């Protein structure tokens, strides 16, 4: 299947699931204050759907970055994609009181979620430094967005879910549809 068509499907799948699954998650789930990891958390109803979407996003990211002939994109993209896949494999701690926590899963989820964020920021910043004009500006803007939004999530936890969705929509929109690795650096 065509890479661009798959990217569109995965992107819109993320938007549909990250918004729509909230209607079928635990009782007090809020798109504004709860993250997508909470949709996929231990004990959350239909958590497998969100975790599957994380894996799809990771696989699509790997496909896009590996198709570049530039080692930087391939290596950092692989770290980013695999981290995202493992974010879906290892689940966030439950937000439902009566569910017993698997601390090992929660800790690994946190490690891989952090690795996802750091590697994306590094990918975007590297892209900004290796390209020119709009590609440079977009990479540097995405690196700033990927830095500021997590800080905003910590400062404004009641808006954490909304901020994370803005970050994901912009980050995957950029990665899937706008980022073009510089041809002059291909080997």
N, C-alpha and C. Protein backbone atom coordinates (compact mmCIF):
# COMPACT_ATOMS: atom_id res chain seq x y z
N UNK A 1 0.84 -1.18 0.00
CA UNK A 1 0.00 0.00 0.00
C UNK A 1 0.89 1.24 0.00
N UNK A 2 0.40 2.32 -0.54
CA UNK A 2 1.10 3.58 -0.65
C UNK A 2 1.37 4.18 0.75
N UNK A 3 2.61 4.59 0.99
CA UNK A 3 3.02 5.13 2.29
C UNK A 3 2.17 6.34 2.69
N UNK A 4 1.89 7.23 1.74
CA UNK A 4 1.10 8.42 2.05
C UNK A 4 -0.33 8.08 2.46
N UNK A 5 -0.92 7.10 1.81
CA UNK A 5 -2.28 6.68 2.17
C UNK A 5 -2.30 6.06 3.56
N UNK A 6 -1.31 5.25 3.86
CA UNK A 6 -1.24 4.64 5.19
C UNK A 6 -1.04 5.72 6.24
N UNK A 7 -0.20 6.71 5.94
CA UNK A 7 0.03 7.81 6.89
C UNK A 7 -1.27 8.56 7.18
N UNK A 8 -2.07 8.80 6.15
CA UNK A 8 -3.36 9.48 6.34
C UNK A 8 -4.28 8.63 7.22
N UNK A 9 -4.33 7.35 6.94
CA UNK A 9 -5.18 6.45 7.73
C UNK A 9 -4.74 6.44 9.20
N UNK A 10 -3.45 6.30 9.43
CA UNK A 10 -2.94 6.24 10.81
C UNK A 10 -3.17 7.57 11.53
N UNK A 11 -2.94 8.67 10.83
CA UNK A 11 -3.13 10.00 11.43
C UNK A 11 -4.59 10.21 11.85
N UNK A 12 -5.51 9.90 10.95
CA UNK A 12 -6.92 10.09 11.28
C UNK A 12 -7.43 9.04 12.27
N UNK A 13 -6.83 7.86 12.26
CA UNK A 13 -7.15 6.86 13.28
C UNK A 13 -6.78 7.39 14.65
N UNK A 14 -5.59 8.00 14.76
CA UNK A 14 -5.19 8.60 16.03
C UNK A 14 -6.20 9.65 16.47
N UNK A 15 -6.56 10.56 15.57
CA UNK A 15 -7.48 11.64 15.96
C UNK A 15 -8.84 11.07 16.38
N UNK A 16 -9.34 10.08 15.66
CA UNK A 16 -10.64 9.49 16.00
C UNK A 16 -10.58 8.75 17.34
N UNK A 17 -9.53 7.95 17.53
CA UNK A 17 -9.44 7.16 18.76
C UNK A 17 -9.13 8.04 19.97
N UNK A 18 -8.22 8.99 19.83
CA UNK A 18 -7.86 9.83 20.98
C UNK A 18 -9.01 10.72 21.42
N UNK A 19 -9.96 10.96 20.53
CA UNK A 19 -11.15 11.74 20.89
C UNK A 19 -12.33 10.83 21.21
N UNK A 20 -12.61 9.90 20.31
CA UNK A 20 -13.80 9.06 20.44
C UNK A 20 -13.74 8.03 21.54
N UNK A 21 -12.56 7.47 21.79
CA UNK A 21 -12.44 6.44 22.82
C UNK A 21 -12.76 7.00 24.21
N UNK A 22 -12.62 8.31 24.35
CA UNK A 22 -12.95 8.95 25.64
C UNK A 22 -14.40 8.68 26.04
N UNK A 23 -15.27 8.51 25.07
CA UNK A 23 -16.68 8.24 25.35
C UNK A 23 -16.89 6.84 25.89
N UNK A 24 -15.91 5.96 25.67
CA UNK A 24 -16.04 4.56 26.07
C UNK A 24 -14.99 4.16 27.11
N UNK A 25 -14.34 5.15 27.71
CA UNK A 25 -13.31 4.87 28.70
C UNK A 25 -13.94 4.92 30.09
N UNK A 26 -13.12 5.09 31.11
CA UNK A 26 -13.64 5.11 32.48
C UNK A 26 -14.48 6.36 32.72
N UNK A 27 -15.31 6.30 33.74
CA UNK A 27 -16.38 7.27 33.98
C UNK A 27 -15.94 8.73 33.99
N UNK A 28 -14.87 9.07 34.66
CA UNK A 28 -14.46 10.46 34.80
C UNK A 28 -13.41 10.90 33.78
N UNK A 29 -13.21 10.12 32.72
CA UNK A 29 -12.21 10.49 31.73
C UNK A 29 -12.59 11.81 31.07
N UNK A 30 -11.60 12.69 30.93
CA UNK A 30 -11.80 14.00 30.30
C UNK A 30 -10.73 14.22 29.24
N UNK A 31 -11.15 14.58 28.04
CA UNK A 31 -10.21 14.88 26.96
C UNK A 31 -9.33 16.06 27.35
N UNK A 32 -9.86 16.96 28.15
CA UNK A 32 -9.12 18.16 28.54
C UNK A 32 -8.02 17.83 29.54
N UNK A 33 -8.32 17.01 30.54
CA UNK A 33 -7.33 16.79 31.61
C UNK A 33 -6.63 15.42 31.57
N UNK A 34 -7.17 14.45 30.85
CA UNK A 34 -6.54 13.13 30.79
C UNK A 34 -5.81 12.93 29.47
N UNK A 35 -4.68 12.27 29.54
CA UNK A 35 -3.85 12.05 28.35
C UNK A 35 -4.30 10.81 27.57
N UNK A 36 -3.69 10.63 26.42
CA UNK A 36 -3.96 9.44 25.62
C UNK A 36 -3.41 8.20 26.34
N UNK A 37 -2.34 8.36 27.11
CA UNK A 37 -1.82 7.23 27.90
C UNK A 37 -2.86 6.76 28.91
N UNK A 38 -3.68 7.67 29.41
CA UNK A 38 -4.74 7.29 30.34
C UNK A 38 -5.80 6.45 29.63
N UNK A 39 -6.03 6.72 28.33
CA UNK A 39 -6.95 5.88 27.57
C UNK A 39 -6.43 4.45 27.47
N UNK A 40 -5.10 4.32 27.40
CA UNK A 40 -4.48 3.00 27.27
C UNK A 40 -3.99 2.43 28.58
N UNK A 41 -4.37 3.05 29.68
CA UNK A 41 -3.85 2.65 31.00
C UNK A 41 -4.36 1.27 31.43
N UNK A 42 -3.64 0.70 32.37
CA UNK A 42 -4.04 -0.58 32.97
C UNK A 42 -5.46 -0.46 33.51
N UNK A 43 -6.32 -1.36 33.08
CA UNK A 43 -7.69 -1.39 33.56
C UNK A 43 -8.65 -0.45 32.88
N UNK A 44 -8.17 0.45 32.00
CA UNK A 44 -9.09 1.33 31.30
C UNK A 44 -9.88 0.52 30.27
N UNK A 45 -11.18 0.76 30.19
CA UNK A 45 -11.98 0.03 29.20
C UNK A 45 -11.47 0.29 27.78
N UNK A 46 -11.36 -0.75 27.01
CA UNK A 46 -10.93 -0.66 25.61
C UNK A 46 -9.52 -0.08 25.44
N UNK A 47 -8.68 -0.24 26.46
CA UNK A 47 -7.31 0.30 26.43
C UNK A 47 -6.52 -0.23 25.25
N UNK A 48 -6.80 -1.46 24.85
CA UNK A 48 -6.06 -2.07 23.75
C UNK A 48 -6.17 -1.24 22.47
N UNK A 49 -7.27 -0.52 22.30
CA UNK A 49 -7.46 0.28 21.08
C UNK A 49 -6.44 1.41 21.04
N UNK A 50 -6.31 2.16 22.15
CA UNK A 50 -5.34 3.25 22.18
C UNK A 50 -3.93 2.72 22.05
N UNK A 51 -3.64 1.62 22.71
CA UNK A 51 -2.30 1.05 22.65
C UNK A 51 -1.97 0.56 21.24
N UNK A 52 -2.95 0.02 20.54
CA UNK A 52 -2.77 -0.37 19.14
C UNK A 52 -2.45 0.86 18.29
N UNK A 53 -3.13 1.97 18.55
CA UNK A 53 -2.88 3.20 17.80
C UNK A 53 -1.46 3.72 18.08
N UNK A 54 -1.00 3.63 19.34
CA UNK A 54 0.39 4.01 19.63
C UNK A 54 1.35 3.19 18.76
N UNK A 55 1.08 1.90 18.67
CA UNK A 55 1.94 1.02 17.89
C UNK A 55 1.88 1.37 16.39
N UNK A 56 0.71 1.71 15.91
CA UNK A 56 0.57 2.13 14.50
C UNK A 56 1.34 3.42 14.23
N UNK A 57 1.22 4.39 15.14
CA UNK A 57 1.96 5.65 15.01
C UNK A 57 3.46 5.39 14.99
N UNK A 58 3.92 4.51 15.89
CA UNK A 58 5.35 4.17 15.95
C UNK A 58 5.82 3.49 14.69
N UNK A 59 5.03 2.53 14.19
CA UNK A 59 5.41 1.81 12.97
C UNK A 59 5.43 2.76 11.77
N UNK A 60 4.45 3.65 11.68
CA UNK A 60 4.43 4.61 10.57
C UNK A 60 5.62 5.55 10.65
N UNK A 61 5.98 5.97 11.85
CA UNK A 61 7.14 6.85 12.03
C UNK A 61 8.42 6.15 11.59
N UNK A 62 8.54 4.89 11.92
CA UNK A 62 9.72 4.12 11.49
C UNK A 62 9.74 4.02 9.97
N UNK A 63 8.62 3.71 9.36
CA UNK A 63 8.54 3.59 7.90
C UNK A 63 8.98 4.89 7.22
N UNK A 64 8.47 6.00 7.72
CA UNK A 64 8.80 7.30 7.13
C UNK A 64 10.28 7.62 7.29
N UNK A 65 10.81 7.45 8.48
CA UNK A 65 12.20 7.84 8.71
C UNK A 65 13.19 6.86 8.09
N UNK A 66 12.86 5.58 8.05
CA UNK A 66 13.75 4.61 7.41
C UNK A 66 13.80 4.78 5.89
N UNK A 67 12.75 5.36 5.32
CA UNK A 67 12.74 5.55 3.87
C UNK A 67 13.69 6.67 3.45
N UNK A 68 14.17 7.44 4.42
CA UNK A 68 15.21 8.43 4.13
C UNK A 68 16.53 7.69 3.94
N UNK A 69 17.39 8.24 3.15
CA UNK A 69 18.72 7.65 2.95
C UNK A 69 19.75 8.31 3.88
N UNK A 70 19.25 9.06 4.86
CA UNK A 70 20.12 9.79 5.77
C UNK A 70 20.12 9.08 7.12
N UNK A 71 21.30 8.70 7.55
CA UNK A 71 21.44 7.89 8.77
C UNK A 71 20.81 8.56 9.99
N UNK A 72 20.95 9.88 10.14
CA UNK A 72 20.37 10.59 11.28
C UNK A 72 18.87 10.31 11.40
N UNK A 73 18.15 10.46 10.31
CA UNK A 73 16.70 10.22 10.31
C UNK A 73 16.40 8.76 10.61
N UNK A 74 17.18 7.87 10.05
CA UNK A 74 16.95 6.45 10.25
C UNK A 74 17.14 6.04 11.70
N UNK A 75 18.23 6.48 12.30
CA UNK A 75 18.55 6.08 13.69
C UNK A 75 17.60 6.75 14.68
N UNK A 76 17.46 8.06 14.60
CA UNK A 76 16.60 8.78 15.55
C UNK A 76 15.14 8.40 15.32
N UNK A 77 14.76 8.23 14.07
CA UNK A 77 13.39 7.80 13.76
C UNK A 77 13.09 6.41 14.30
N UNK A 78 14.08 5.52 14.24
CA UNK A 78 13.90 4.18 14.78
C UNK A 78 13.74 4.23 16.31
N UNK A 79 14.56 5.04 16.96
CA UNK A 79 14.43 5.20 18.42
C UNK A 79 13.06 5.78 18.76
N UNK A 80 12.65 6.79 18.03
CA UNK A 80 11.34 7.42 18.26
C UNK A 80 10.22 6.41 18.06
N UNK A 81 10.22 5.74 16.93
CA UNK A 81 9.15 4.80 16.61
C UNK A 81 9.08 3.62 17.57
N UNK A 82 10.24 3.04 17.88
CA UNK A 82 10.25 1.92 18.82
C UNK A 82 9.81 2.34 20.22
N UNK A 83 10.23 3.53 20.63
CA UNK A 83 9.81 4.04 21.94
C UNK A 83 8.29 4.20 21.99
N UNK A 84 7.73 4.68 20.90
CA UNK A 84 6.28 4.85 20.84
C UNK A 84 5.57 3.49 20.84
N UNK A 85 6.11 2.55 20.11
CA UNK A 85 5.53 1.20 20.12
C UNK A 85 5.55 0.62 21.54
N UNK A 86 6.69 0.75 22.21
CA UNK A 86 6.79 0.21 23.57
C UNK A 86 5.96 1.00 24.58
N UNK A 87 5.63 2.25 24.26
CA UNK A 87 4.71 3.01 25.10
C UNK A 87 3.33 2.34 25.07
N UNK A 88 3.00 1.74 23.92
CA UNK A 88 1.74 1.01 23.81
C UNK A 88 1.80 -0.38 24.41
N UNK A 89 2.98 -0.98 24.42
CA UNK A 89 3.13 -2.32 25.00
C UNK A 89 3.05 -2.26 26.52
N UNK A 90 3.75 -1.31 27.11
CA UNK A 90 3.78 -1.16 28.56
C UNK A 90 2.80 -0.05 28.94
N UNK A 91 1.85 -0.38 29.79
CA UNK A 91 0.73 0.52 30.07
C UNK A 91 0.94 1.40 31.29
N UNK A 92 0.39 2.58 31.19
CA UNK A 92 0.35 3.55 32.29
C UNK A 92 -0.36 2.94 33.50
N UNK A 93 -0.04 3.42 34.67
CA UNK A 93 -0.72 2.98 35.90
C UNK A 93 -2.22 3.20 35.76
N UNK A 94 -3.02 2.36 36.40
CA UNK A 94 -4.47 2.52 36.29
C UNK A 94 -4.96 3.80 36.97
N UNK A 95 -6.01 4.37 36.41
CA UNK A 95 -6.64 5.53 37.02
C UNK A 95 -7.95 5.15 37.69
N UNK A 96 -8.26 3.88 37.66
CA UNK A 96 -9.45 3.35 38.31
C UNK A 96 -9.00 2.76 39.64
N UNK A 97 -9.63 3.18 40.72
CA UNK A 97 -9.18 2.85 42.08
C UNK A 97 -9.03 1.37 42.36
N UNK A 98 -9.94 0.55 41.95
CA UNK A 98 -9.93 -0.86 42.35
C UNK A 98 -9.01 -1.74 41.49
N UNK A 99 -8.36 -1.18 40.49
CA UNK A 99 -7.45 -1.95 39.63
C UNK A 99 -6.07 -1.97 40.28
N UNK A 100 -5.51 -3.15 40.41
CA UNK A 100 -4.17 -3.30 40.98
C UNK A 100 -3.12 -2.82 39.97
N UNK A 101 -2.16 -2.07 40.45
CA UNK A 101 -1.13 -1.50 39.58
C UNK A 101 -0.01 -2.51 39.31
N UNK A 102 0.41 -2.55 38.06
CA UNK A 102 1.61 -3.28 37.68
C UNK A 102 2.70 -2.21 37.55
N UNK A 103 3.50 -2.05 38.60
CA UNK A 103 4.50 -0.98 38.65
C UNK A 103 5.56 -1.12 37.55
N UNK A 104 5.91 -2.36 37.23
CA UNK A 104 6.90 -2.60 36.18
C UNK A 104 6.41 -2.00 34.86
N UNK A 105 5.17 -2.28 34.50
CA UNK A 105 4.59 -1.73 33.27
C UNK A 105 4.54 -0.21 33.32
N UNK A 106 4.11 0.33 34.44
CA UNK A 106 3.99 1.78 34.58
C UNK A 106 5.35 2.47 34.45
N UNK A 107 6.37 1.89 35.09
CA UNK A 107 7.71 2.49 35.01
C UNK A 107 8.27 2.43 33.60
N UNK A 108 8.10 1.28 32.93
CA UNK A 108 8.58 1.19 31.55
C UNK A 108 7.78 2.09 30.62
N UNK A 109 6.49 2.23 30.87
CA UNK A 109 5.68 3.15 30.07
C UNK A 109 6.25 4.56 30.19
N UNK A 110 6.58 4.95 31.40
CA UNK A 110 7.14 6.28 31.64
C UNK A 110 8.48 6.46 30.93
N UNK A 111 9.35 5.45 31.01
CA UNK A 111 10.65 5.51 30.34
C UNK A 111 10.47 5.66 28.84
N UNK A 112 9.60 4.82 28.25
CA UNK A 112 9.43 4.87 26.80
C UNK A 112 8.69 6.13 26.35
N UNK A 113 7.75 6.62 27.15
CA UNK A 113 7.07 7.87 26.81
C UNK A 113 8.07 9.03 26.82
N UNK A 114 8.96 9.05 27.80
CA UNK A 114 9.99 10.09 27.85
C UNK A 114 10.95 9.97 26.67
N UNK A 115 11.36 8.75 26.35
CA UNK A 115 12.25 8.53 25.20
C UNK A 115 11.58 8.96 23.91
N UNK A 116 10.27 8.75 23.81
CA UNK A 116 9.52 9.20 22.63
C UNK A 116 9.62 10.71 22.50
N UNK A 117 9.36 11.41 23.58
CA UNK A 117 9.41 12.87 23.55
C UNK A 117 10.79 13.42 23.24
N UNK A 118 11.81 12.88 23.91
CA UNK A 118 13.18 13.36 23.68
C UNK A 118 13.64 13.06 22.25
N UNK A 119 13.36 11.86 21.77
CA UNK A 119 13.83 11.51 20.42
C UNK A 119 13.10 12.32 19.36
N UNK A 120 11.81 12.60 19.55
CA UNK A 120 11.10 13.43 18.58
C UNK A 120 11.70 14.83 18.56
N UNK A 121 11.95 15.39 19.73
CA UNK A 121 12.53 16.73 19.82
C UNK A 121 13.88 16.77 19.12
N UNK A 122 14.68 15.75 19.34
CA UNK A 122 16.00 15.66 18.70
C UNK A 122 15.86 15.51 17.18
N UNK A 123 14.90 14.71 16.74
CA UNK A 123 14.65 14.55 15.30
C UNK A 123 14.25 15.88 14.67
N UNK A 124 13.31 16.58 15.30
CA UNK A 124 12.84 17.86 14.77
C UNK A 124 13.95 18.91 14.75
N UNK A 125 14.71 19.00 15.85
CA UNK A 125 15.81 19.98 15.92
C UNK A 125 16.88 19.65 14.89
N UNK A 126 17.23 18.38 14.79
CA UNK A 126 18.23 17.97 13.79
C UNK A 126 17.77 18.28 12.38
N UNK A 127 16.51 18.05 12.12
CA UNK A 127 15.95 18.38 10.80
C UNK A 127 16.09 19.89 10.56
N UNK A 128 15.79 20.66 11.59
CA UNK A 128 15.90 22.11 11.46
C UNK A 128 17.31 22.57 11.13
N UNK A 129 18.30 21.93 11.72
CA UNK A 129 19.68 22.33 11.47
C UNK A 129 20.23 21.80 10.15
N UNK A 130 19.64 20.75 9.62
CA UNK A 130 20.16 20.14 8.38
C UNK A 130 19.46 20.64 7.12
N UNK A 131 18.39 21.42 7.26
CA UNK A 131 17.61 21.83 6.10
C UNK A 131 17.64 23.35 5.93
N UNK A 132 16.84 23.84 5.02
CA UNK A 132 16.80 25.27 4.71
C UNK A 132 15.37 25.77 4.63
N UNK A 133 15.20 27.04 4.72
CA UNK A 133 13.94 27.76 4.57
C UNK A 133 12.80 27.18 5.39
N UNK A 134 11.69 26.82 4.73
CA UNK A 134 10.50 26.36 5.46
C UNK A 134 10.74 25.05 6.18
N UNK A 135 11.55 24.19 5.61
CA UNK A 135 11.86 22.93 6.29
C UNK A 135 12.64 23.21 7.58
N UNK A 136 13.59 24.14 7.50
CA UNK A 136 14.36 24.52 8.70
C UNK A 136 13.44 25.12 9.75
N UNK A 137 12.63 26.08 9.33
CA UNK A 137 11.72 26.74 10.28
C UNK A 137 10.77 25.73 10.90
N UNK A 138 10.22 24.82 10.10
CA UNK A 138 9.26 23.85 10.63
C UNK A 138 9.91 22.91 11.64
N UNK A 139 11.13 22.46 11.35
CA UNK A 139 11.83 21.58 12.28
C UNK A 139 12.12 22.26 13.60
N UNK A 140 12.60 23.48 13.52
CA UNK A 140 12.92 24.21 14.76
C UNK A 140 11.65 24.55 15.54
N UNK A 141 10.59 24.92 14.83
CA UNK A 141 9.31 25.20 15.50
C UNK A 141 8.80 23.94 16.20
N UNK A 142 8.87 22.80 15.51
CA UNK A 142 8.40 21.55 16.13
C UNK A 142 9.25 21.17 17.34
N UNK A 143 10.55 21.44 17.30
CA UNK A 143 11.40 21.16 18.46
C UNK A 143 11.00 22.03 19.64
N UNK A 144 10.68 23.29 19.37
CA UNK A 144 10.24 24.21 20.44
C UNK A 144 8.88 23.76 20.98
N UNK A 145 7.96 23.41 20.07
CA UNK A 145 6.64 22.94 20.50
C UNK A 145 6.77 21.68 21.35
N UNK A 146 7.64 20.75 20.92
CA UNK A 146 7.83 19.49 21.64
C UNK A 146 8.52 19.70 22.98
N UNK A 147 9.11 20.84 23.19
CA UNK A 147 9.72 21.18 24.48
C UNK A 147 8.74 21.95 25.37
N UNK A 148 8.06 22.93 24.79
CA UNK A 148 7.19 23.80 25.58
C UNK A 148 5.89 23.12 26.02
N UNK A 149 5.30 22.30 25.16
CA UNK A 149 4.02 21.68 25.54
C UNK A 149 4.18 20.75 26.75
N UNK A 150 5.19 19.88 26.82
CA UNK A 150 5.33 19.09 28.05
C UNK A 150 5.53 19.96 29.30
N UNK A 151 6.23 21.08 29.14
CA UNK A 151 6.37 22.00 30.28
C UNK A 151 5.01 22.58 30.66
N UNK A 152 4.22 22.91 29.64
CA UNK A 152 2.87 23.40 29.88
C UNK A 152 2.00 22.35 30.55
N UNK A 153 2.20 21.08 30.17
CA UNK A 153 1.44 20.00 30.79
C UNK A 153 1.75 19.87 32.28
N UNK A 154 3.02 20.10 32.62
CA UNK A 154 3.40 20.05 34.04
C UNK A 154 2.87 21.27 34.80
N UNK A 155 2.90 22.43 34.15
CA UNK A 155 2.46 23.66 34.80
C UNK A 155 0.94 23.74 34.91
N UNK A 156 0.24 23.15 33.92
CA UNK A 156 -1.22 23.22 33.87
C UNK A 156 -1.80 21.81 33.75
N UNK A 157 -1.68 21.00 34.80
CA UNK A 157 -2.11 19.60 34.70
C UNK A 157 -3.59 19.42 34.38
N UNK A 158 -4.41 20.41 34.69
CA UNK A 158 -5.83 20.28 34.38
C UNK A 158 -6.10 20.41 32.88
N UNK A 159 -5.10 20.83 32.10
CA UNK A 159 -5.22 20.93 30.64
C UNK A 159 -4.27 19.96 29.93
N UNK A 160 -3.72 19.02 30.69
CA UNK A 160 -2.73 18.09 30.18
C UNK A 160 -3.21 17.33 28.95
N UNK A 161 -4.42 16.83 28.96
CA UNK A 161 -4.94 16.04 27.85
C UNK A 161 -5.08 16.86 26.58
N UNK A 162 -5.59 18.06 26.72
CA UNK A 162 -5.76 18.94 25.57
C UNK A 162 -4.41 19.34 24.98
N UNK A 163 -3.47 19.71 25.85
CA UNK A 163 -2.14 20.10 25.39
C UNK A 163 -1.44 18.93 24.69
N UNK A 164 -1.55 17.74 25.25
CA UNK A 164 -0.90 16.59 24.63
C UNK A 164 -1.48 16.31 23.25
N UNK A 165 -2.79 16.44 23.10
CA UNK A 165 -3.41 16.20 21.80
C UNK A 165 -2.96 17.23 20.77
N UNK A 166 -2.83 18.49 21.19
CA UNK A 166 -2.30 19.52 20.29
C UNK A 166 -0.89 19.15 19.84
N UNK A 167 -0.08 18.69 20.79
CA UNK A 167 1.29 18.30 20.46
C UNK A 167 1.30 17.11 19.49
N UNK A 168 0.50 16.09 19.77
CA UNK A 168 0.48 14.91 18.90
C UNK A 168 -0.03 15.24 17.50
N UNK A 169 -1.10 16.01 17.41
CA UNK A 169 -1.65 16.35 16.10
C UNK A 169 -0.63 17.15 15.29
N UNK A 170 0.03 18.11 15.93
CA UNK A 170 1.02 18.91 15.20
C UNK A 170 2.27 18.09 14.89
N UNK A 171 2.74 17.29 15.84
CA UNK A 171 3.97 16.51 15.62
C UNK A 171 3.80 15.47 14.53
N UNK A 172 2.72 14.69 14.59
CA UNK A 172 2.53 13.67 13.56
C UNK A 172 2.11 14.27 12.24
N UNK A 173 1.40 15.39 12.28
CA UNK A 173 1.10 16.09 11.03
C UNK A 173 2.38 16.53 10.34
N UNK A 174 3.31 17.06 11.12
CA UNK A 174 4.59 17.49 10.57
C UNK A 174 5.39 16.29 10.06
N UNK A 175 5.54 15.27 10.89
CA UNK A 175 6.36 14.11 10.53
C UNK A 175 5.79 13.36 9.33
N UNK A 176 4.49 13.15 9.32
CA UNK A 176 3.87 12.34 8.27
C UNK A 176 3.69 13.09 6.95
N UNK A 177 3.46 14.42 7.02
CA UNK A 177 3.04 15.12 5.80
C UNK A 177 3.90 16.31 5.38
N UNK A 178 4.76 16.80 6.25
CA UNK A 178 5.50 18.01 5.91
C UNK A 178 7.01 17.82 5.87
N UNK A 179 7.56 17.04 6.78
CA UNK A 179 9.01 16.88 6.87
C UNK A 179 9.57 16.22 5.60
N UNK A 180 10.55 16.88 5.00
CA UNK A 180 11.22 16.33 3.82
C UNK A 180 12.72 16.35 4.10
N UNK A 181 13.33 15.17 4.31
CA UNK A 181 14.77 15.14 4.54
C UNK A 181 15.52 15.72 3.33
N UNK A 182 16.61 16.43 3.58
CA UNK A 182 17.34 17.07 2.49
C UNK A 182 18.01 16.06 1.55
N UNK A 183 17.65 16.12 0.28
CA UNK A 183 18.18 15.19 -0.72
C UNK A 183 19.70 15.28 -0.85
N UNK A 184 20.24 16.46 -0.63
CA UNK A 184 21.70 16.63 -0.82
C UNK A 184 22.52 15.87 0.22
N UNK A 185 21.91 15.43 1.31
CA UNK A 185 22.62 14.68 2.34
C UNK A 185 22.46 13.16 2.18
N UNK A 186 21.67 12.73 1.21
CA UNK A 186 21.47 11.29 1.00
C UNK A 186 22.73 10.65 0.44
N UNK A 187 22.97 9.41 0.83
CA UNK A 187 24.15 8.69 0.33
C UNK A 187 23.75 7.67 -0.69
